[in-house]
């Protein structure tokens, strides 16, 4: 039986895929408090092929982007580039 990977929640530790345009293979933490809302840890954006979900991350180590800018201590990364490596217990504001 195949299991579906779970979506990241606030406080989860994640790894960025090596296929991501930048921050390849780094580990980070899903953070909140972005855009003035302490519970907002992701952003859903309409796209031609459906909805895209981006998560706000704090990197373990500052990262330089593909153009050499930075270093950045965090970023917004699209969900399909993320793998949960250490889930938090009940940190999702919706779940509890």
Protein backbone atom coordinates (compact mmCIF):
# COMPACT_ATOMS: atom_id res chain seq x y z
CA UNK A 1 0.00 0.00 0.00
CA UNK A 2 1.36 3.40 -1.00
CA UNK A 3 1.14 6.24 1.52
CA UNK A 4 0.64 9.83 0.47
CA UNK A 5 3.14 12.31 1.81
CA UNK A 6 1.54 14.59 4.35
CA UNK A 7 1.40 18.35 3.91
CA UNK A 8 3.66 20.36 6.22
CA UNK A 9 2.18 21.96 9.33
CA UNK A 10 3.33 24.90 11.41
CA UNK A 11 6.53 23.92 13.26
CA UNK A 12 7.34 20.89 11.09
CA UNK A 13 10.92 20.24 10.06
CA UNK A 14 11.18 19.86 6.29
CA UNK A 15 13.79 19.20 3.63
CA UNK A 16 13.78 21.09 0.34
CA UNK A 17 14.04 18.86 -2.72
CA UNK A 18 17.26 18.88 -4.77
CA UNK A 19 14.94 19.63 -7.74
CA UNK A 20 13.94 23.01 -6.29
CA UNK A 21 15.41 25.95 -8.26
CA UNK A 22 17.28 27.05 -5.13
CA UNK A 23 17.85 26.04 -1.49
CA UNK A 24 18.41 22.53 -2.85
CA UNK A 25 18.47 19.80 -0.22
CA UNK A 26 18.54 22.11 2.81
CA UNK A 27 16.55 21.57 5.97
CA UNK A 28 14.25 24.18 7.45
CA UNK A 29 11.32 24.77 9.79
CA UNK A 30 7.80 25.80 8.72
CA UNK A 31 7.21 29.16 10.42
CA UNK A 32 4.26 31.44 11.10
CA UNK A 33 3.95 35.14 11.75
CA UNK A 34 4.40 36.07 8.11
CA UNK A 35 2.33 38.82 6.46
CA UNK A 36 1.15 40.10 9.84
CA UNK A 37 -0.77 36.95 10.81
CA UNK A 38 0.83 34.72 13.45
CA UNK A 39 -1.14 31.69 12.21
CA UNK A 40 -0.37 32.13 8.51
CA UNK A 41 2.32 29.63 7.56
CA UNK A 42 1.32 28.98 3.96
CA UNK A 43 -0.06 30.86 0.98
CA UNK A 44 -2.44 29.43 -1.63
CA UNK A 45 -2.13 30.94 -5.10
CA UNK A 46 -4.42 30.30 -8.09
CA UNK A 47 -2.55 29.13 -11.20
CA UNK A 48 -3.52 27.99 -14.70
CA UNK A 49 -3.05 24.36 -13.64
CA UNK A 50 -4.89 24.64 -10.32
CA UNK A 51 -3.89 25.91 -6.90
CA UNK A 52 -0.27 26.21 -5.78
CA UNK A 53 0.60 26.12 -2.11
CA UNK A 54 3.69 27.87 -0.76
CA UNK A 55 5.09 27.44 2.77
CA UNK A 56 7.07 29.99 4.75
CA UNK A 57 10.36 28.48 5.93
CA UNK A 58 13.24 29.44 8.21
CA UNK A 59 16.41 27.79 6.90
CA UNK A 60 18.83 26.04 9.26
CA UNK A 61 21.65 27.85 7.47
CA UNK A 62 21.33 31.07 5.39
CA UNK A 63 21.00 30.37 1.66
CA UNK A 64 22.09 32.17 -1.50
CA UNK A 65 19.60 32.07 -4.39
CA UNK A 66 20.25 30.89 -7.97
CA UNK A 67 21.34 34.43 -8.96
CA UNK A 68 23.84 34.71 -6.12
CA UNK A 69 21.70 37.07 -4.02
CA UNK A 70 21.44 36.65 -0.29
CA UNK A 71 22.17 35.11 2.07
CA UNK A 72 18.53 34.62 3.06
CA UNK A 73 17.46 33.22 6.44
CA UNK A 74 14.12 32.06 5.05
CA UNK A 75 11.89 31.91 2.01
CA UNK A 76 8.56 30.87 0.60
CA UNK A 77 8.90 27.46 -1.12
CA UNK A 78 6.27 25.63 -3.18
CA UNK A 79 4.79 22.59 -1.45
CA UNK A 80 5.79 19.95 -3.99
CA UNK A 81 9.46 20.71 -3.23
CA UNK A 82 9.05 19.91 0.48
CA UNK A 83 9.30 16.67 2.43
CA UNK A 84 8.36 16.54 6.11
CA UNK A 85 11.32 15.05 8.00
CA UNK A 86 10.24 15.67 11.60
CA UNK A 87 6.56 16.39 12.23
CA UNK A 88 5.42 18.50 15.18
CA UNK A 89 2.54 17.39 17.40
CA UNK A 90 -0.70 19.40 17.07
CA UNK A 91 0.90 22.61 15.82
CA UNK A 92 -1.61 23.28 13.06
CA UNK A 93 -3.90 26.16 14.12
CA UNK A 94 -6.85 24.44 12.45
CA UNK A 95 -6.22 21.04 14.05
CA UNK A 96 -5.27 22.29 17.41
